[in-house]
Amino acid sequence: MTLRDARLLVTGASGQVALPVAVALAAENDVVAVARFKDASKRARLEAAGVRCISVDLARGTLDDVPDDVDYVCNFAVVKSNRWDVDLAGNAEAAGLLLSHCRTARAFLHCSSTGVYEAAGGTPQRETDPLGDNHRVMMPTYSISKIAAEAVVRATCRIFNVPATIARLNVPYGDEGGWPDFHLSLILAGRPVPVHPDGPSRFNPIHEDDIIATVPGMLAAASVPATIVNWGGDEETSIEEWCAYLAELVGRDVQFERTTNTIGGIPTDNTKRRELVGATHVAWKDGMRRMVAALHGELPG
């Protein structure tokens, strides 16, 4: 599937993941972006790319100013306040209200998280594996509110007969940053990187280029009941491995702090994603080298 001359609504558009998606889609489509837009520079970047921006707080506001006559919805909005009332409203209730508002759309892509899986000791997770509260140690509301959001999308897509895909994102990163860049900031500050004692903490990071490339396929895979699929890169690596590589790129040493106050690895079985949308193409070392160059160009490496 290719997206051309379509009208798309992208929520969470000022965020790390959705901003480059919205910009890329706007090259050949009419894109409306929804976010709180607290950072004026991000709104300016989107508008310079031809994106129409609408300021909305999905956790507390209304959808009165949001168009409902769109072809596709890409819901990347996420709230991480650690307040139960706010996060359930912003992540779960808002997803259902948005799908209801855009009930004539051809497809609804809901960006979920592999944070919904029950901790499984680093075993690659399939879409049918048990769900659980694995992020509680870092973000007490996150896993449960994301699970709740999936349930809301599953129900509302059936109520309104809107084809939906629920894509469980692993570790997104790229020129806009991401978790690996947070680890790099710790390395540059000479601080230890927290890792779980049951390591290595393995994941399937996915570069923003591969996220952008697979969005059309994710929309094409939408169905009633909702399609549920992992959204991670084909290469599996670990926090320990990518931090060692990042440290090498910037000419620094890396130290690790083994602690239970961080999440363990959540690698994914990507068989279903490959069947639906094909392979990913950015190797994690190439992607992270590009991330360092984009965000820390003054550093060696």
C-alpha atoms as a PDB file:
ATOM      1  CA  MET A   1       0.000   0.000   0.000  1.00  0.00           C
ATOM      2  CA  THR A   2       1.137   3.530  -0.764  1.00  0.00           C
ATOM      3  CA  LEU A   3      -0.383   6.675   0.690  1.00  0.00           C
ATOM      4  CA  ARG A   4      -0.943   9.455  -1.816  1.00  0.00           C
ATOM      5  CA  ASP A   5      -3.580  12.195  -1.999  1.00  0.00           C
ATOM      6  CA  ALA A   6      -5.196  10.971   1.214  1.00  0.00           C
ATOM      7  CA  ARG A   7      -6.291  12.988   4.215  1.00  0.00           C
ATOM      8  CA  LEU A   8      -4.691  11.814   7.444  1.00  0.00           C
ATOM      9  CA  LEU A   9      -5.043  12.789  11.072  1.00  0.00           C
ATOM     10  CA  VAL A  10      -1.897  12.285  13.157  1.00  0.00           C
ATOM     11  CA  THR A  11      -2.164  12.683  16.931  1.00  0.00           C
ATOM     12  CA  GLY A  12       0.755  13.218  19.295  1.00  0.00           C
ATOM     13  CA  ALA A  13       2.378  14.980  16.376  1.00  0.00           C
ATOM     14  CA  SER A  14       4.899  16.948  18.431  1.00  0.00           C
ATOM     15  CA  GLY A  15       6.354  13.726  19.835  1.00  0.00           C
ATOM     16  CA  GLN A  16       9.532  11.867  18.942  1.00  0.00           C
ATOM     17  CA  VAL A  17       7.755   9.207  16.862  1.00  0.00           C
ATOM     18  CA  ALA A  18       4.827  11.055  15.300  1.00  0.00           C
ATOM     19  CA  LEU A  19       6.605  14.248  14.190  1.00  0.00           C
ATOM     20  CA  PRO A  20       8.782  12.635  11.491  1.00  0.00           C
ATOM     21  CA  VAL A  21       5.829  10.441  10.460  1.00  0.00           C
ATOM     22  CA  ALA A  22       3.620  13.492   9.948  1.00  0.00           C
ATOM     23  CA  VAL A  23       6.326  15.332   8.007  1.00  0.00           C
ATOM     24  CA  ALA A  24       6.948  12.334   5.744  1.00  0.00           C
ATOM     25  CA  LEU A  25       3.242  11.760   5.079  1.00  0.00           C
ATOM     26  CA  ALA A  26       2.727  15.434   4.242  1.00  0.00           C
ATOM     27  CA  ALA A  27       4.967  15.131   1.188  1.00  0.00           C
ATOM     28  CA  GLU A  28       2.130  13.496  -0.781  1.00  0.00           C
ATOM     29  CA  ASN A  29      -0.924  13.802   1.450  1.00  0.00           C
ATOM     30  CA  ASP A  30      -3.096  16.283   3.326  1.00  0.00           C
ATOM     31  CA  VAL A  31      -2.026  15.883   6.970  1.00  0.00           C
ATOM     32  CA  VAL A  32      -3.740  17.348  10.028  1.00  0.00           C
ATOM     33  CA  ALA A  33      -1.647  17.177  13.207  1.00  0.00           C
ATOM     34  CA  VAL A  34      -3.059  17.218  16.723  1.00  0.00           C
ATOM     35  CA  ALA A  35      -0.997  17.817  19.867  1.00  0.00           C
ATOM     36  CA  ARG A  36      -0.703  20.251  22.757  1.00  0.00           C
ATOM     37  CA  PHE A  37       2.187  21.983  20.933  1.00  0.00           C
ATOM     38  CA  LYS A  38       3.886  23.351  24.023  1.00  0.00           C
ATOM     39  CA  ASP A  39       7.079  23.573  21.962  1.00  0.00           C
ATOM     40  CA  ALA A  40       6.443  26.215  19.295  1.00  0.00           C
ATOM     41  CA  SER A  41       9.471  25.120  17.283  1.00  0.00           C
ATOM     42  CA  LYS A  42       7.948  21.700  16.641  1.00  0.00           C
ATOM     43  CA  ARG A  43       4.729  23.242  15.419  1.00  0.00           C
ATOM     44  CA  ALA A  44       6.777  25.463  13.123  1.00  0.00           C
ATOM     45  CA  ARG A  45       8.612  22.421  11.701  1.00  0.00           C
ATOM     46  CA  LEU A  46       5.327  20.696  10.938  1.00  0.00           C
ATOM     47  CA  GLU A  47       3.753  23.758   9.384  1.00  0.00           C
ATOM     48  CA  ALA A  48       6.845  24.323   7.246  1.00  0.00           C
ATOM     49  CA  ALA A  49       6.282  20.821   5.856  1.00  0.00           C
ATOM     50  CA  GLY A  50       2.700  21.675   4.959  1.00  0.00           C
ATOM     51  CA  VAL A  51       1.008  20.083   7.975  1.00  0.00           C
ATOM     52  CA  ARG A  52      -2.063  21.789   9.443  1.00  0.00           C
ATOM     53  CA  CYS A  53      -1.672  21.905  13.234  1.00  0.00           C
ATOM     54  CA  ILE A  54      -4.484  21.963  15.800  1.00  0.00           C
ATOM     55  CA  SER A  55      -3.806  22.412  19.517  1.00  0.00           C
ATOM     56  CA  VAL A  56      -5.795  19.895  21.557  1.00  0.00           C
ATOM     57  CA  ASP A  57      -5.267  18.327  24.980  1.00  0.00           C
ATOM     58  CA  LEU A  58      -6.703  14.861  24.425  1.00  0.00           C
ATOM     59  CA  ALA A  59      -6.675  14.084  28.145  1.00  0.00           C
ATOM     60  CA  ARG A  60      -8.796  17.094  29.119  1.00  0.00           C
ATOM     61  CA  GLY A  61     -10.071  18.833  25.996  1.00  0.00           C
ATOM     62  CA  THR A  62     -12.664  18.155  23.308  1.00  0.00           C
ATOM     63  CA  LEU A  63     -12.456  17.112  19.666  1.00  0.00           C
ATOM     64  CA  ASP A  64     -14.721  19.930  18.473  1.00  0.00           C
ATOM     65  CA  ASP A  65     -11.970  21.516  16.356  1.00  0.00           C
ATOM     66  CA  VAL A  66     -10.648  18.202  14.986  1.00  0.00           C
ATOM     67  CA  PRO A  67     -11.889  17.245  11.491  1.00  0.00           C
ATOM     68  CA  ASP A  68     -13.847  14.002  11.330  1.00  0.00           C
ATOM     69  CA  ASP A  69     -13.777  13.582   7.535  1.00  0.00           C
ATOM     70  CA  VAL A  70     -10.338  11.986   7.285  1.00  0.00           C
ATOM     71  CA  ASP A  71      -9.326   8.891   5.351  1.00  0.00           C
ATOM     72  CA  TYR A  72      -6.918   7.554   7.963  1.00  0.00           C
ATOM     73  CA  VAL A  73      -6.065   8.140  11.617  1.00  0.00           C
ATOM     74  CA  CYS A  74      -2.613   7.534  13.092  1.00  0.00           C
ATOM     75  CA  ASN A  75      -2.940   7.761  16.864  1.00  0.00           C
ATOM     76  CA  PHE A  76       0.503   8.309  18.399  1.00  0.00           C
ATOM     77  CA  ALA A  77      -0.716  10.365  21.357  1.00  0.00           C
ATOM     78  CA  VAL A  78       0.570   9.191  24.741  1.00  0.00           C
ATOM     79  CA  VAL A  79       0.321  10.608  28.248  1.00  0.00           C
ATOM     80  CA  LYS A  80       2.892   9.738  30.932  1.00  0.00           C
ATOM     81  CA  SER A  81       1.958  11.866  33.932  1.00  0.00           C
ATOM     82  CA  ASN A  82       1.951   8.944  36.417  1.00  0.00           C
ATOM     83  CA  ARG A  83      -1.495  10.178  37.520  1.00  0.00           C
ATOM     84  CA  TRP A  84      -4.097   7.485  37.037  1.00  0.00           C
ATOM     85  CA  ASP A  85      -7.005   9.766  36.176  1.00  0.00           C
ATOM     86  CA  VAL A  86      -4.980  11.744  33.632  1.00  0.00           C
ATOM     87  CA  ASP A  87      -3.264   8.780  31.994  1.00  0.00           C
ATOM     88  CA  LEU A  88      -6.375   6.630  31.684  1.00  0.00           C
ATOM     89  CA  ALA A  89      -8.200   9.606  30.166  1.00  0.00           C
ATOM     90  CA  GLY A  90      -5.355  10.558  27.814  1.00  0.00           C
ATOM     91  CA  ASN A  91      -4.392   7.060  26.702  1.00  0.00           C
ATOM     92  CA  ALA A  92      -7.557   4.954  26.881  1.00  0.00           C
ATOM     93  CA  GLU A  93     -10.616   7.203  26.884  1.00  0.00           C
ATOM     94  CA  ALA A  94      -9.119   9.545  24.290  1.00  0.00           C
ATOM     95  CA  ALA A  95      -8.424   6.654  21.889  1.00  0.00           C
ATOM     96  CA  GLY A  96     -12.052   5.581  21.976  1.00  0.00           C
ATOM     97  CA  LEU A  97     -13.366   9.115  21.627  1.00  0.00           C
ATOM     98  CA  LEU A  98     -11.025   9.726  18.689  1.00  0.00           C
ATOM     99  CA  LEU A  99     -12.078   6.561  16.878  1.00  0.00           C
ATOM    100  CA  SER A 100     -15.741   7.420  17.463  1.00  0.00           C
ATOM    101  CA  HIS A 101     -15.155  10.968  16.195  1.00  0.00           C
ATOM    102  CA  CYS A 102     -13.484   9.643  13.021  1.00  0.00           C
ATOM    103  CA  ARG A 103     -15.852   6.714  12.509  1.00  0.00           C
ATOM    104  CA  THR A 104     -15.967   7.200   8.710  1.00  0.00           C
ATOM    105  CA  ALA A 105     -12.199   6.658   8.368  1.00  0.00           C
ATOM    106  CA  ARG A 106     -10.937   3.818   6.201  1.00  0.00           C
ATOM    107  CA  ALA A 107      -8.514   2.673   8.903  1.00  0.00           C
ATOM    108  CA  PHE A 108      -7.317   3.579  12.385  1.00  0.00           C
ATOM    109  CA  LEU A 109      -3.705   2.913  13.437  1.00  0.00           C
ATOM    110  CA  HIS A 110      -3.242   2.885  17.190  1.00  0.00           C
ATOM    111  CA  CYS A 111       0.348   2.999  18.415  1.00  0.00           C
ATOM    112  CA  SER A 112       0.608   0.836  21.517  1.00  0.00           C
ATOM    113  CA  SER A 113       3.735  -0.442  23.241  1.00  0.00           C
ATOM    114  CA  THR A 114       5.548  -3.670  24.028  1.00  0.00           C
ATOM    115  CA  GLY A 115       5.315  -2.314  27.564  1.00  0.00           C
ATOM    116  CA  VAL A 116       1.953  -4.117  27.678  1.00  0.00           C
ATOM    117  CA  TYR A 117       3.620  -7.548  27.896  1.00  0.00           C
ATOM    118  CA  GLU A 118       4.153  -9.416  31.129  1.00  0.00           C
ATOM    119  CA  ALA A 119       7.846  -9.613  31.985  1.00  0.00           C
ATOM    120  CA  ALA A 120       9.105 -12.888  30.513  1.00  0.00           C
ATOM    121  CA  GLY A 121      12.835 -13.004  31.199  1.00  0.00           C
ATOM    122  CA  GLY A 122      13.944 -11.798  27.778  1.00  0.00           C
ATOM    123  CA  THR A 123      11.911 -14.293  25.750  1.00  0.00           C
ATOM    124  CA  PRO A 124      10.769 -12.772  22.428  1.00  0.00           C
ATOM    125  CA  GLN A 125       7.111 -11.865  22.861  1.00  0.00           C
ATOM    126  CA  ARG A 126       4.393 -12.888  20.435  1.00  0.00           C
ATOM    127  CA  GLU A 127       1.157 -10.972  20.035  1.00  0.00           C
ATOM    128  CA  THR A 128      -0.741 -13.728  21.873  1.00  0.00           C
ATOM    129  CA  ASP A 129       1.560 -13.798  24.921  1.00  0.00           C
ATOM    130  CA  PRO A 130       0.352 -12.702  28.386  1.00  0.00           C
ATOM    131  CA  LEU A 131       0.008  -9.015  29.187  1.00  0.00           C
ATOM    132  CA  GLY A 132       1.209  -7.481  32.439  1.00  0.00           C
ATOM    133  CA  ASP A 133       2.377  -4.464  34.405  1.00  0.00           C
ATOM    134  CA  ASN A 134       6.058  -4.631  33.493  1.00  0.00           C
ATOM    135  CA  HIS A 135       6.707  -0.851  33.481  1.00  0.00           C
ATOM    136  CA  ARG A 136       5.422  -0.239  37.011  1.00  0.00           C
ATOM    137  CA  VAL A 137       8.904   0.168  38.468  1.00  0.00           C
ATOM    138  CA  MET A 138       9.591   3.161  36.175  1.00  0.00           C
ATOM    139  CA  MET A 139       6.157   4.485  35.180  1.00  0.00           C
ATOM    140  CA  PRO A 140       3.415   3.219  37.503  1.00  0.00           C
ATOM    141  CA  THR A 141       0.488   4.010  35.182  1.00  0.00           C
ATOM    142  CA  TYR A 142       2.036   3.254  31.819  1.00  0.00           C
ATOM    143  CA  SER A 143       1.538  -0.462  31.129  1.00  0.00           C
ATOM    144  CA  ILE A 144      -1.977  -0.610  32.538  1.00  0.00           C
ATOM    145  CA  SER A 145      -3.180   2.529  30.771  1.00  0.00           C
ATOM    146  CA  LYS A 146      -1.737   1.249  27.483  1.00  0.00           C
ATOM    147  CA  ILE A 147      -3.469  -2.123  27.995  1.00  0.00           C
ATOM    148  CA  ALA A 148      -6.681  -0.233  28.730  1.00  0.00           C
ATOM    149  CA  ALA A 149      -6.212   1.771  25.524  1.00  0.00           C
ATOM    150  CA  GLU A 150      -5.892  -1.417  23.496  1.00  0.00           C
ATOM    151  CA  ALA A 151      -9.123  -2.742  24.998  1.00  0.00           C
ATOM    152  CA  VAL A 152     -10.936   0.506  24.198  1.00  0.00           C
ATOM    153  CA  VAL A 153      -9.712   0.476  20.578  1.00  0.00           C
ATOM    154  CA  ARG A 154     -10.656  -3.187  20.197  1.00  0.00           C
ATOM    155  CA  ALA A 155     -14.189  -2.475  21.407  1.00  0.00           C
ATOM    156  CA  THR A 156     -14.814   0.781  19.545  1.00  0.00           C
ATOM    157  CA  CYS A 157     -13.495  -0.523  16.226  1.00  0.00           C
ATOM    158  CA  ARG A 158     -16.147  -3.249  16.436  1.00  0.00           C
ATOM    159  CA  ILE A 159     -18.905  -0.912  17.630  1.00  0.00           C
ATOM    160  CA  PHE A 160     -18.336   1.525  14.746  1.00  0.00           C
ATOM    161  CA  ASN A 161     -17.001  -1.034  12.241  1.00  0.00           C
ATOM    162  CA  VAL A 162     -13.783   0.919  11.689  1.00  0.00           C
ATOM    163  CA  PRO A 163     -10.842  -1.292  10.646  1.00  0.00           C
ATOM    164  CA  ALA A 164      -8.016  -0.895  13.173  1.00  0.00           C
ATOM    165  CA  THR A 165      -4.440  -1.952  13.713  1.00  0.00           C
ATOM    166  CA  ILE A 166      -2.940  -1.971  17.197  1.00  0.00           C
ATOM    167  CA  ALA A 167       0.831  -1.836  16.723  1.00  0.00           C
ATOM    168  CA  ARG A 168       2.983  -2.561  19.778  1.00  0.00           C
ATOM    169  CA  LEU A 169       6.037  -0.361  19.372  1.00  0.00           C
ATOM    170  CA  ASN A 170       9.322  -1.604  20.814  1.00  0.00           C
ATOM    171  CA  VAL A 171      12.175   0.946  21.201  1.00  0.00           C
ATOM    172  CA  PRO A 172      11.751   3.776  18.677  1.00  0.00           C
ATOM    173  CA  TYR A 173      14.789   5.947  17.972  1.00  0.00           C
ATOM    174  CA  GLY A 174      16.306   8.143  15.293  1.00  0.00           C
ATOM    175  CA  ASP A 175      17.199  11.735  14.522  1.00  0.00           C
ATOM    176  CA  GLU A 176      14.551  12.876  17.037  1.00  0.00           C
ATOM    177  CA  GLY A 177      16.218  10.901  19.842  1.00  0.00           C
ATOM    178  CA  GLY A 178      14.737   8.063  21.858  1.00  0.00           C
ATOM    179  CA  TRP A 179      15.714   5.864  24.779  1.00  0.00           C
ATOM    180  CA  PRO A 180      19.203   5.145  23.371  1.00  0.00           C
ATOM    181  CA  ASP A 181      19.862   8.885  23.237  1.00  0.00           C
ATOM    182  CA  PHE A 182      18.820   9.163  26.885  1.00  0.00           C
ATOM    183  CA  HIS A 183      21.410   6.497  27.652  1.00  0.00           C
ATOM    184  CA  LEU A 184      23.965   8.452  25.646  1.00  0.00           C
ATOM    185  CA  SER A 185      23.257  11.536  27.751  1.00  0.00           C
ATOM    186  CA  LEU A 186      24.096   9.493  30.856  1.00  0.00           C
ATOM    187  CA  ILE A 187      27.324   8.296  29.249  1.00  0.00           C
ATOM    188  CA  LEU A 188      28.316  11.846  28.312  1.00  0.00           C
ATOM    189  CA  ALA A 189      27.619  13.007  31.867  1.00  0.00           C
ATOM    190  CA  GLY A 190      29.777  10.217  33.297  1.00  0.00           C
ATOM    191  CA  ARG A 191      26.788   8.627  35.013  1.00  0.00           C
ATOM    192  CA  PRO A 192      26.022   4.886  35.061  1.00  0.00           C
ATOM    193  CA  VAL A 193      23.325   3.437  32.833  1.00  0.00           C
ATOM    194  CA  PRO A 194      20.752   1.441  34.843  1.00  0.00           C
ATOM    195  CA  VAL A 195      20.241  -2.129  33.624  1.00  0.00           C
ATOM    196  CA  HIS A 196      18.267  -4.987  35.116  1.00  0.00           C
ATOM    197  CA  PRO A 197      20.325  -7.652  36.935  1.00  0.00           C
ATOM    198  CA  ASP A 198      18.674 -10.358  34.818  1.00  0.00           C
ATOM    199  CA  GLY A 199      20.380  -8.965  31.726  1.00  0.00           C
ATOM    200  CA  PRO A 200      21.370  -8.575  29.067  1.00  0.00           C
ATOM    201  CA  SER A 201      18.293  -6.377  28.580  1.00  0.00           C
ATOM    202  CA  ARG A 202      17.337  -7.286  25.035  1.00  0.00           C
ATOM    203  CA  PHE A 203      15.028  -5.306  22.752  1.00  0.00           C
ATOM    204  CA  ASN A 204      14.265  -4.830  19.049  1.00  0.00           C
ATOM    205  CA  PRO A 205      14.878  -1.109  18.446  1.00  0.00           C
ATOM    206  CA  ILE A 206      13.232   0.326  15.346  1.00  0.00           C
ATOM    207  CA  HIS A 207      14.522   3.405  13.505  1.00  0.00           C
ATOM    208  CA  GLU A 208      12.146   6.212  12.556  1.00  0.00           C
ATOM    209  CA  ASP A 209      12.806   5.495   8.855  1.00  0.00           C
ATOM    210  CA  ASP A 210      11.408   1.994   9.279  1.00  0.00           C
ATOM    211  CA  ILE A 211       8.449   3.295  11.281  1.00  0.00           C
ATOM    212  CA  ILE A 212       7.644   5.733   8.464  1.00  0.00           C
ATOM    213  CA  ALA A 213       8.089   3.049   5.799  1.00  0.00           C
ATOM    214  CA  THR A 214       5.726   0.619   7.513  1.00  0.00           C
ATOM    215  CA  VAL A 215       2.888   3.042   8.384  1.00  0.00           C
ATOM    216  CA  PRO A 216       1.072   2.450   5.054  1.00  0.00           C
ATOM    217  CA  GLY A 217       1.260  -1.309   5.559  1.00  0.00           C
ATOM    218  CA  MET A 218       0.018  -1.000   9.120  1.00  0.00           C
ATOM    219  CA  LEU A 219      -3.016   0.913   7.848  1.00  0.00           C
ATOM    220  CA  ALA A 220      -3.561  -1.628   5.066  1.00  0.00           C
ATOM    221  CA  ALA A 221      -3.515  -4.443   7.652  1.00  0.00           C
ATOM    222  CA  ALA A 222      -6.358  -2.868   9.662  1.00  0.00           C
ATOM    223  CA  SER A 223      -9.369  -5.090  10.262  1.00  0.00           C
ATOM    224  CA  VAL A 224     -12.479  -5.649  12.369  1.00  0.00           C
ATOM    225  CA  PRO A 225     -11.776  -7.100  14.936  1.00  0.00           C
ATOM    226  CA  ALA A 226      -8.534  -5.162  15.260  1.00  0.00           C
ATOM    227  CA  THR A 227      -5.240  -6.517  13.940  1.00  0.00           C
ATOM    228  CA  ILE A 228      -2.646  -6.703  16.723  1.00  0.00           C
ATOM    229  CA  VAL A 229       1.018  -6.741  15.700  1.00  0.00           C
ATOM    230  CA  ASN A 230       4.462  -6.110  17.175  1.00  0.00           C
ATOM    231  CA  TRP A 231       6.303  -3.074  15.762  1.00  0.00           C
ATOM    232  CA  GLY A 232       9.994  -3.644  16.363  1.00  0.00           C
ATOM    233  CA  GLY A 233      13.097  -3.893  14.211  1.00  0.00           C
ATOM    234  CA  ASP A 234      14.308  -7.174  12.766  1.00  0.00           C
ATOM    235  CA  GLU A 235      17.602  -6.992  14.673  1.00  0.00           C
ATOM    236  CA  GLU A 236      17.664  -7.849  18.359  1.00  0.00           C
ATOM    237  CA  THR A 237      20.229  -6.152  20.579  1.00  0.00           C
ATOM    238  CA  SER A 238      20.530  -5.050  24.199  1.00  0.00           C
ATOM    239  CA  ILE A 239      20.934  -1.916  26.292  1.00  0.00           C
ATOM    240  CA  GLU A 240      24.381  -3.148  27.259  1.00  0.00           C
ATOM    241  CA  GLU A 241      25.384  -3.663  23.628  1.00  0.00           C
ATOM    242  CA  TRP A 242      24.037  -0.396  22.252  1.00  0.00           C
ATOM    243  CA  CYS A 243      25.493   1.609  25.142  1.00  0.00           C
ATOM    244  CA  ALA A 244      28.923   0.099  24.541  1.00  0.00           C
ATOM    245  CA  TYR A 245      28.622   1.044  20.870  1.00  0.00           C
ATOM    246  CA  LEU A 246      27.430   4.585  21.625  1.00  0.00           C
ATOM    247  CA  ALA A 247      30.278   5.067  24.086  1.00  0.00           C
ATOM    248  CA  GLU A 248      32.743   3.934  21.438  1.00  0.00           C
ATOM    249  CA  LEU A 249      31.288   6.409  18.919  1.00  0.00           C
ATOM    250  CA  VAL A 250      31.732   9.378  21.259  1.00  0.00           C
ATOM    251  CA  GLY A 251      35.060   8.287  22.746  1.00  0.00           C
ATOM    252  CA  ARG A 252      33.779   7.741  26.270  1.00  0.00           C
ATOM    253  CA  ASP A 253      33.571   4.891  28.734  1.00  0.00           C
ATOM    254  CA  VAL A 254      30.266   3.407  29.848  1.00  0.00           C
ATOM    255  CA  GLN A 255      29.398   2.182  33.318  1.00  0.00           C
ATOM    256  CA  PHE A 256      26.346   0.129  34.242  1.00  0.00           C
ATOM    257  CA  GLU A 257      24.370   0.083  37.452  1.00  0.00           C
ATOM    258  CA  ARG A 258      22.543  -3.204  37.980  1.00  0.00           C
ATOM    259  CA  THR A 259      19.249  -2.457  39.667  1.00  0.00           C
ATOM    260  CA  THR A 260      15.732  -3.822  39.924  1.00  0.00           C
ATOM    261  CA  ASN A 261      14.472  -0.235  39.643  1.00  0.00           C
ATOM    262  CA  THR A 262      14.412  -0.455  35.853  1.00  0.00           C
ATOM    263  CA  ILE A 263      12.644  -2.637  33.325  1.00  0.00           C
ATOM    264  CA  GLY A 264      14.123  -5.820  31.929  1.00  0.00           C
ATOM    265  CA  GLY A 265      14.358  -6.730  28.284  1.00  0.00           C
ATOM    266  CA  ILE A 266      11.261  -7.041  26.085  1.00  0.00           C
ATOM    267  CA  PRO A 267      12.363  -8.454  22.716  1.00  0.00           C
ATOM    268  CA  THR A 268       9.658  -9.224  20.171  1.00  0.00           C
ATOM    269  CA  ASP A 269       8.822 -12.025  17.789  1.00  0.00           C
ATOM    270  CA  ASN A 270       8.370 -10.074  14.556  1.00  0.00           C
ATOM    271  CA  THR A 271       7.055 -12.896  12.361  1.00  0.00           C
ATOM    272  CA  LYS A 272       3.580 -11.376  12.026  1.00  0.00           C
ATOM    273  CA  ARG A 273       4.921  -7.898  11.275  1.00  0.00           C
ATOM    274  CA  ARG A 274       7.141  -9.247   8.490  1.00  0.00           C
ATOM    275  CA  GLU A 275       4.165 -11.101   7.003  1.00  0.00           C
ATOM    276  CA  LEU A 276       1.984  -7.979   7.088  1.00  0.00           C
ATOM    277  CA  VAL A 277       4.347  -5.142   6.149  1.00  0.00           C
ATOM    278  CA  GLY A 278       7.708  -6.680   5.246  1.00  0.00           C
ATOM    279  CA  ALA A 279      11.196  -6.371   6.682  1.00  0.00           C
ATOM    280  CA  THR A 280      12.870  -3.440   8.393  1.00  0.00           C
ATOM    281  CA  HIS A 281      16.001  -2.097   6.744  1.00  0.00           C
ATOM    282  CA  VAL A 282      17.971   0.190   9.075  1.00  0.00           C
ATOM    283  CA  ALA A 283      20.580  -1.834  10.984  1.00  0.00           C
ATOM    284  CA  TRP A 284      20.702  -0.727  14.611  1.00  0.00           C
ATOM    285  CA  LYS A 285      24.372   0.279  14.490  1.00  0.00           C
ATOM    286  CA  ASP A 286      23.807   2.370  11.366  1.00  0.00           C
ATOM    287  CA  GLY A 287      20.733   3.990  12.879  1.00  0.00           C
ATOM    288  CA  MET A 288      22.409   4.831  16.159  1.00  0.00           C
ATOM    289  CA  ARG A 289      25.454   6.242  14.398  1.00  0.00           C
ATOM    290  CA  ARG A 290      23.101   8.485  12.435  1.00  0.00           C
ATOM    291  CA  MET A 291      21.331   9.483  15.668  1.00  0.00           C
ATOM    292  CA  VAL A 292      24.618  10.536  17.238  1.00  0.00           C
ATOM    293  CA  ALA A 293      25.571  12.545  14.150  1.00  0.00           C
ATOM    294  CA  ALA A 294      22.178  14.277  14.056  1.00  0.00           C
ATOM    295  CA  LEU A 295      21.972  15.146  17.737  1.00  0.00           C
ATOM    296  CA  HIS A 296      25.617  15.355  18.798  1.00  0.00           C
ATOM    297  CA  GLY A 297      27.447  16.315  15.647  1.00  0.00           C
ATOM    298  CA  GLU A 298      30.137  18.139  17.586  1.00  0.00           C
ATOM    299  CA  LEU A 299      31.279  14.909  19.248  1.00  0.00           C
ATOM    300  CA  PRO A 300      33.951  12.564  17.876  1.00  0.00           C
ATOM    301  CA  GLY A 301      32.762   9.382  16.203  1.00  0.00           C
END
